[in-house]
Amino acid sequence: MILVTGGTGLVGSHLLYRLISRGENIRAIYRREKTLKRVEHVFSYFSDDAKALFNKIEWIEAEINDIPKLQEAFTDVTHVYHCAAFVSLEPDKYHQLRKINIKGTANIVNLCISHSIKKLCYVSSIAAIGHHENPEKLIDEQTAWNPEDDNSVYAITKYGAELEVWRGTQEGLEAVVVNPGIVLGAGYWKGGSSGNLFRKINNGMRYYVNGVVGYVDVFDVADAMIQLMVSDIKNEKFILVSENLSFKSFQYKVAKALNAEPPKREAKPWLLGIAWRLDWLKHKLFGSRRSLSKQTTKSAVSVTKYDNSKVRNALNFEFKSIDESVKAVSELYLKDQKQELY
């Protein structure tokens, strides 16, 4: 039996589709029943028999910090994919991020140890990897994390969650960690996923930024995870990035695929500096949610390039091009838009 946490998220739902299509025996955790419909909808993109595939999954309602429910979920499980996470770049969400990302991962690791799980795969992020002073130097799995950097609250908690996984390996757990870039996939058009970028670009974005970051297709993430789990590789981490692209280049690719107008004006660093300060002031005066922070505006203009050679060499893995991924996700977005499902 395979257990998947975070099965109703972007990575989790596509991973479930891959696993169930392989005929695996799957149990998955969910928090809210309404999110299950989204998973079935994702399945419908790729199969005419989506409902039958979806019904093969054993679903258990559980919170990541609900130990009794998690104990029930771990019954007869041999392998665990831990995809559950809270994604937010809002500084005031730090304690909630710690509770879900760090404490929640510690719970999963502890249960893996106590139930003698054969192998754990944890979905981290490139946010939990360090950076070089030279922006043209490729970042790899050995690039040191610097706790003194001005890291985002999300990055801090994902790095902390990784430490819990490595702690588990010291206690006998076999594990692999994947660090995906910005994950491109369909079905999640709102919230913190990349689908929201497709929606915003389609609706019209006025500004572009010239920062560079890594992108990867969601099925590349799922396929790499599965291959790592069935391999003899253990206690290692792998960057999952197909291409390093500027935000401007990505915005233009998506706009072209959606037949939308691309942004025309560059958001200069000084303008972004004003914007995050005004956003902070609005939050303090009116209690509105933060949409910008010092760290997010900094990353928007930073050049961070990632080396994907480790996973390519270890698995003989070939990534899908970002052009191909953007085209596929854009087509599904437009289909959902027509059906008012976005």
Protein backbone atom coordinates (compact mmCIF):
# COMPACT_ATOMS: atom_id res chain seq x y z
CA MET A 1 0.00 0.00 0.00
CA ILE A 2 1.24 3.47 -0.96
CA LEU A 3 0.22 6.52 1.05
CA VAL A 4 0.09 9.98 -0.52
CA THR A 5 -0.28 13.11 1.60
CA GLY A 6 -1.41 16.30 -0.09
CA GLY A 7 -3.20 14.29 -2.75
CA THR A 8 -5.63 17.10 -3.53
CA GLY A 9 -2.87 19.55 -4.48
CA LEU A 10 -1.28 20.19 -7.87
CA VAL A 11 1.63 17.75 -7.54
CA GLY A 12 -0.34 15.26 -5.44
CA SER A 13 -3.27 14.93 -7.85
CA HIS A 14 -1.03 14.37 -10.88
CA LEU A 15 1.09 11.92 -8.87
CA LEU A 16 -2.08 10.01 -7.93
CA TYR A 17 -3.08 9.81 -11.58
CA ARG A 18 0.31 8.36 -12.51
CA LEU A 19 0.29 5.88 -9.62
CA ILE A 20 -3.26 4.65 -10.13
CA SER A 21 -2.63 4.32 -13.88
CA ARG A 22 0.25 1.98 -12.97
CA GLY A 23 -2.18 -0.22 -11.04
CA GLU A 24 -0.77 0.65 -7.63
CA ASN A 25 -2.71 0.20 -4.40
CA ILE A 26 -3.20 3.78 -3.20
CA ARG A 27 -4.41 5.51 -0.06
CA ALA A 28 -4.52 9.31 0.03
CA ILE A 29 -5.16 11.94 2.68
CA TYR A 30 -7.48 14.89 2.19
CA ARG A 31 -8.54 17.78 4.43
CA ARG A 32 -11.78 19.05 2.87
CA GLU A 33 -14.26 16.93 0.90
CA LYS A 34 -14.88 19.63 -1.71
CA THR A 35 -11.25 19.38 -2.85
CA LEU A 36 -11.79 15.80 -4.01
CA LYS A 37 -13.80 17.00 -7.01
CA ARG A 38 -10.76 18.87 -8.23
CA VAL A 39 -8.70 15.66 -8.25
CA GLU A 40 -11.36 13.85 -10.28
CA HIS A 41 -11.43 16.81 -12.66
CA VAL A 42 -7.65 16.58 -13.13
CA PHE A 43 -8.06 12.88 -13.93
CA SER A 44 -10.68 13.80 -16.57
CA TYR A 45 -8.06 15.77 -18.50
CA PHE A 46 -6.16 12.58 -19.25
CA SER A 47 -8.69 9.73 -19.13
CA ASP A 48 -12.23 9.02 -20.33
CA ASP A 49 -12.53 6.71 -17.33
CA ALA A 50 -11.62 9.33 -14.71
CA LYS A 51 -14.31 8.43 -12.19
CA ALA A 52 -13.40 4.74 -12.19
CA LEU A 53 -9.72 5.59 -11.67
CA PHE A 54 -10.57 8.07 -8.93
CA ASN A 55 -12.75 5.50 -7.12
CA LYS A 56 -9.81 3.08 -6.92
CA ILE A 57 -8.14 5.41 -4.39
CA GLU A 58 -8.85 4.90 -0.71
CA TRP A 59 -9.38 8.38 0.74
CA ILE A 60 -8.93 9.22 4.41
CA GLU A 61 -9.87 12.57 5.88
CA ALA A 62 -7.03 13.72 8.14
CA GLU A 63 -5.07 16.81 9.17
CA ILE A 64 -1.30 16.64 8.93
CA ASN A 65 -1.07 17.26 12.69
CA ASP A 66 -3.87 14.85 13.67
CA ILE A 67 -1.77 11.93 14.96
CA PRO A 68 -4.63 9.44 15.63
CA LYS A 69 -6.00 9.91 12.10
CA LEU A 70 -2.52 9.65 10.63
CA GLN A 71 -1.94 6.43 12.56
CA GLU A 72 -5.04 5.03 10.88
CA ALA A 73 -3.81 6.20 7.47
CA PHE A 74 -0.46 4.43 7.95
CA THR A 75 -2.02 0.98 8.52
CA ASP A 76 -0.44 -1.57 6.11
CA VAL A 77 1.45 1.18 4.24
CA THR A 78 4.90 0.37 2.81
CA HIS A 79 5.80 3.56 0.89
CA VAL A 80 4.92 7.23 1.48
CA TYR A 81 4.87 10.23 -0.83
CA HIS A 82 4.69 13.35 1.32
CA CYS A 83 3.32 16.15 -0.89
CA ALA A 84 1.25 18.02 1.73
CA ALA A 85 2.39 21.58 2.42
CA PHE A 86 1.14 25.05 3.10
CA VAL A 87 2.31 27.47 0.42
CA SER A 88 2.40 31.14 1.35
CA LEU A 89 4.89 33.98 1.04
CA GLU A 90 3.00 36.17 3.52
CA PRO A 91 5.29 36.98 6.47
CA ASP A 92 2.41 36.92 8.96
CA LYS A 93 1.69 33.28 8.06
CA TYR A 94 5.05 32.12 9.47
CA HIS A 95 3.67 30.23 12.49
CA GLN A 96 1.03 28.49 10.38
CA LEU A 97 3.73 27.56 7.84
CA ARG A 98 5.90 26.11 10.63
CA LYS A 99 3.01 24.10 12.04
CA ILE A 100 2.13 22.47 8.72
CA ASN A 101 5.43 22.29 6.88
CA ILE A 102 7.86 21.53 9.71
CA LYS A 103 5.76 19.98 12.47
CA GLY A 104 3.58 18.16 9.94
CA THR A 105 6.62 16.70 8.20
CA ALA A 106 8.08 15.67 11.56
CA ASN A 107 4.85 13.77 12.22
CA ILE A 108 5.08 11.96 8.88
CA VAL A 109 8.74 11.10 9.46
CA ASN A 110 8.03 9.78 12.96
CA LEU A 111 5.18 7.61 11.69
CA CYS A 112 7.35 6.32 8.86
CA ILE A 113 9.92 5.21 11.42
CA SER A 114 7.42 3.67 13.84
CA HIS A 115 5.63 1.79 11.01
CA SER A 116 8.89 0.61 9.39
CA ILE A 117 8.05 2.31 6.10
CA LYS A 118 10.39 1.08 3.35
CA LYS A 119 10.86 4.47 1.69
CA LEU A 120 9.68 8.08 1.91
CA CYS A 121 9.66 10.65 -0.90
CA TYR A 122 9.36 14.24 0.28
CA VAL A 123 8.41 17.11 -2.01
CA SER A 124 10.46 20.12 -1.00
CA SER A 125 11.22 23.16 -3.19
CA ILE A 126 14.07 24.99 -4.88
CA ALA A 127 13.24 27.67 -2.29
CA ALA A 128 14.97 25.42 0.27
CA ILE A 129 18.26 25.43 -1.64
CA GLY A 130 20.97 28.06 -1.18
CA HIS A 131 22.18 30.63 -3.70
CA HIS A 132 25.52 31.75 -5.09
CA GLU A 133 26.94 35.26 -5.00
CA ASN A 134 27.56 34.88 -8.74
CA PRO A 135 24.08 34.68 -10.37
CA GLU A 136 25.49 32.96 -13.46
CA LYS A 137 26.85 30.04 -11.42
CA LEU A 138 24.45 27.11 -11.51
CA ILE A 139 22.85 26.13 -8.22
CA ASP A 140 23.00 22.40 -7.47
CA GLU A 141 22.09 20.07 -4.61
CA GLN A 142 25.36 20.87 -2.81
CA THR A 143 24.83 24.65 -2.78
CA ALA A 144 24.80 25.59 0.90
CA TRP A 145 21.74 27.11 2.52
CA ASN A 146 22.58 30.33 4.36
CA PRO A 147 20.26 30.96 7.33
CA GLU A 148 21.55 34.54 7.48
CA ASP A 149 20.10 35.36 4.05
CA ASP A 150 16.85 37.28 3.82
CA ASN A 151 14.89 34.09 3.11
CA SER A 152 11.13 33.99 2.68
CA VAL A 153 9.01 32.43 5.43
CA TYR A 154 8.03 29.66 3.01
CA ALA A 155 11.66 28.87 2.19
CA ILE A 156 12.60 28.78 5.88
CA THR A 157 9.89 26.25 6.69
CA LYS A 158 10.58 24.04 3.67
CA TYR A 159 14.24 23.94 4.66
CA GLY A 160 13.18 23.09 8.21
CA ALA A 161 10.99 20.29 6.87
CA GLU A 162 13.94 18.86 4.94
CA LEU A 163 15.93 18.77 8.18
CA GLU A 164 13.18 16.60 9.67
CA VAL A 165 13.53 14.17 6.75
CA TRP A 166 17.32 14.03 7.15
CA ARG A 167 16.82 13.48 10.87
CA GLY A 168 14.64 10.50 9.97
CA THR A 169 17.37 9.05 7.77
CA GLN A 170 19.71 9.17 10.78
CA GLU A 171 17.16 7.04 12.61
CA GLY A 172 17.05 4.38 9.88
CA LEU A 173 14.46 5.74 7.46
CA GLU A 174 15.25 5.52 3.75
CA ALA A 175 14.19 8.68 1.94
CA VAL A 176 14.58 10.81 -1.17
CA VAL A 177 13.86 14.53 -1.42
CA VAL A 178 12.88 16.37 -4.59
CA ASN A 179 13.25 20.13 -5.02
CA PRO A 180 11.00 21.22 -7.90
CA GLY A 181 11.11 24.64 -9.50
CA ILE A 182 7.89 26.46 -10.37
CA VAL A 183 5.59 23.53 -11.20
CA LEU A 184 3.44 23.94 -14.31
CA GLY A 185 0.21 21.98 -14.34
CA ALA A 186 -3.51 22.30 -14.94
CA GLY A 187 -6.60 22.35 -12.75
CA TYR A 188 -5.53 24.76 -10.04
CA TRP A 189 -6.27 28.18 -11.47
CA LYS A 190 -6.51 30.11 -8.22
CA GLY A 191 -4.49 30.35 -5.03
CA GLY A 192 -0.75 29.87 -4.79
CA SER A 193 -0.15 27.45 -7.66
CA SER A 194 1.30 28.29 -11.07
CA GLY A 195 -2.17 27.98 -12.59
CA ASN A 196 -2.95 31.36 -11.09
CA LEU A 197 -0.22 32.81 -13.32
CA PHE A 198 -1.97 31.45 -16.41
CA ARG A 199 -5.24 33.01 -15.26
CA LYS A 200 -3.62 36.39 -14.53
CA ILE A 201 -1.73 36.47 -17.82
CA ASN A 202 -4.91 35.59 -19.68
CA ASN A 203 -6.75 38.41 -17.92
CA GLY A 204 -3.94 40.82 -18.78
CA MET A 205 -0.82 41.70 -16.80
CA ARG A 206 0.59 45.19 -17.16
CA TYR A 207 4.11 44.53 -15.90
CA TYR A 208 6.87 42.02 -16.43
CA VAL A 209 10.00 41.38 -14.38
CA ASN A 210 13.39 40.13 -15.53
CA GLY A 211 14.29 37.75 -12.71
CA VAL A 212 15.25 34.19 -13.69
CA VAL A 213 14.08 30.98 -12.03
CA GLY A 214 13.59 27.29 -12.83
CA TYR A 215 10.38 25.77 -14.23
CA VAL A 216 9.24 22.16 -14.51
CA ASP A 217 6.19 20.26 -15.76
CA VAL A 218 4.05 18.63 -13.09
CA PHE A 219 4.23 15.20 -14.74
CA ASP A 220 8.02 15.43 -14.81
CA VAL A 221 7.88 15.93 -11.05
CA ALA A 222 5.53 12.96 -10.58
CA ASP A 223 7.51 10.68 -12.90
CA ALA A 224 10.85 11.55 -11.27
CA MET A 225 9.38 10.87 -7.83
CA ILE A 226 8.10 7.46 -8.87
CA GLN A 227 11.37 6.51 -10.54
CA LEU A 228 13.34 7.55 -7.48
CA MET A 229 11.07 5.54 -5.20
CA VAL A 230 11.41 2.32 -7.19
CA SER A 231 15.18 2.78 -7.57
CA ASP A 232 17.90 1.80 -5.11
CA ILE A 233 18.70 5.49 -4.53
CA LYS A 234 18.26 6.59 -0.96
CA ASN A 235 18.99 9.52 1.34
CA GLU A 236 19.68 11.98 -1.47
CA LYS A 237 18.00 15.10 -2.85
CA PHE A 238 17.35 16.08 -6.47
CA ILE A 239 16.62 19.38 -8.16
CA LEU A 240 13.73 19.04 -10.62
CA VAL A 241 13.98 21.87 -13.14
CA SER A 242 13.50 21.60 -16.87
CA GLU A 243 14.65 25.09 -17.88
CA ASN A 244 15.81 28.33 -16.31
CA LEU A 245 13.76 31.19 -17.74
CA SER A 246 13.22 34.85 -17.04
CA PHE A 247 9.77 35.72 -15.74
CA LYS A 248 9.36 37.93 -18.82
CA SER A 249 10.09 35.03 -21.15
CA PHE A 250 7.65 32.79 -19.29
CA GLN A 251 4.93 35.48 -19.32
CA TYR A 252 5.37 35.94 -23.07
CA LYS A 253 5.25 32.19 -23.74
CA VAL A 254 1.99 31.86 -21.80
CA ALA A 255 0.46 34.96 -23.38
CA LYS A 256 1.23 33.59 -26.84
CA ALA A 257 -0.24 30.18 -26.01
CA LEU A 258 -3.40 31.83 -24.64
CA ASN A 259 -3.62 34.36 -27.47
CA ALA A 260 -3.52 37.07 -24.82
CA GLU A 261 -1.73 40.41 -24.69
CA PRO A 262 1.69 40.12 -23.04
CA PRO A 263 2.80 42.69 -20.45
CA LYS A 264 4.47 45.74 -21.98
CA ARG A 265 6.11 47.54 -19.06
CA GLU A 266 9.00 46.43 -16.87
CA ALA A 267 8.53 46.59 -13.11
CA LYS A 268 11.82 48.15 -12.05
CA PRO A 269 13.33 47.25 -8.65
CA TRP A 270 12.54 50.72 -7.27
CA LEU A 271 8.89 50.33 -8.29
CA LEU A 272 8.70 46.92 -6.65
CA GLY A 273 10.28 48.40 -3.52
CA ILE A 274 7.51 50.97 -3.32
CA ALA A 275 4.87 48.33 -4.05
CA TRP A 276 5.79 45.95 -1.21
CA ARG A 277 5.97 48.82 1.28
CA LEU A 278 2.52 50.03 0.27
CA ASP A 279 1.25 46.47 0.51
CA TRP A 280 2.68 46.23 4.04
CA LEU A 281 1.05 49.54 5.00
CA LYS A 282 -2.32 48.43 3.62
CA HIS A 283 -2.04 45.22 5.65
CA LYS A 284 -1.25 47.16 8.84
CA LEU A 285 -4.04 49.72 8.37
CA PHE A 286 -6.83 47.53 7.04
CA GLY A 287 -5.79 43.96 7.85
CA SER A 288 -5.78 42.95 4.18
CA ARG A 289 -3.81 39.90 3.07
CA ARG A 290 -0.29 40.50 1.88
CA SER A 291 0.21 40.05 -1.86
CA LEU A 292 3.82 41.29 -1.91
CA SER A 293 6.74 41.08 0.48
CA LYS A 294 10.33 42.26 0.51
CA GLN A 295 11.48 38.72 -0.25
CA THR A 296 9.06 38.10 -3.16
CA THR A 297 9.93 41.36 -4.88
CA LYS A 298 13.62 40.58 -4.43
CA SER A 299 13.21 37.14 -6.02
CA ALA A 300 11.25 38.71 -8.89
CA VAL A 301 14.40 40.50 -10.07
CA SER A 302 17.00 37.95 -8.92
CA VAL A 303 18.78 35.60 -11.31
CA THR A 304 18.79 32.03 -9.95
CA LYS A 305 19.79 29.26 -12.33
CA TYR A 306 19.57 25.59 -11.40
CA ASP A 307 21.54 22.51 -12.47
CA ASN A 308 19.36 19.47 -13.22
CA SER A 309 22.21 17.14 -14.18
CA LYS A 310 22.07 15.01 -11.02
CA VAL A 311 18.60 13.61 -11.66
CA ARG A 312 19.22 13.34 -15.41
CA ASN A 313 22.32 11.25 -14.80
CA ALA A 314 20.89 9.18 -11.94
CA LEU A 315 17.71 8.18 -13.78
CA ASN A 316 18.62 8.86 -17.42
CA PHE A 317 15.75 11.31 -17.10
CA GLU A 318 14.57 13.60 -19.90
CA PHE A 319 12.51 16.68 -19.03
CA LYS A 320 9.62 17.97 -21.10
CA SER A 321 10.35 21.34 -22.69
CA ILE A 322 8.67 24.34 -21.09
CA ASP A 323 7.18 25.30 -24.46
CA GLU A 324 5.45 21.92 -24.57
CA SER A 325 4.28 22.25 -20.97
CA VAL A 326 2.97 25.80 -21.43
CA LYS A 327 1.06 24.73 -24.56
CA ALA A 328 -0.59 21.78 -22.80
CA VAL A 329 -1.54 23.72 -19.65
CA SER A 330 -2.83 26.68 -21.69
CA GLU A 331 -5.09 24.42 -23.76
CA LEU A 332 -6.60 22.95 -20.59
CA TYR A 333 -7.03 26.41 -19.07
CA LEU A 334 -8.96 27.62 -22.12
CA LYS A 335 -11.08 24.47 -22.05
CA ASP A 336 -11.94 25.03 -18.38
CA GLN A 337 -12.60 28.70 -19.04
CA LYS A 338 -15.21 27.84 -21.65
CA GLN A 339 -16.87 25.53 -19.17
CA GLU A 340 -16.57 28.15 -16.41
CA LEU A 341 -14.49 25.78 -14.29
CA TYR A 342 -11.65 28.19 -13.57
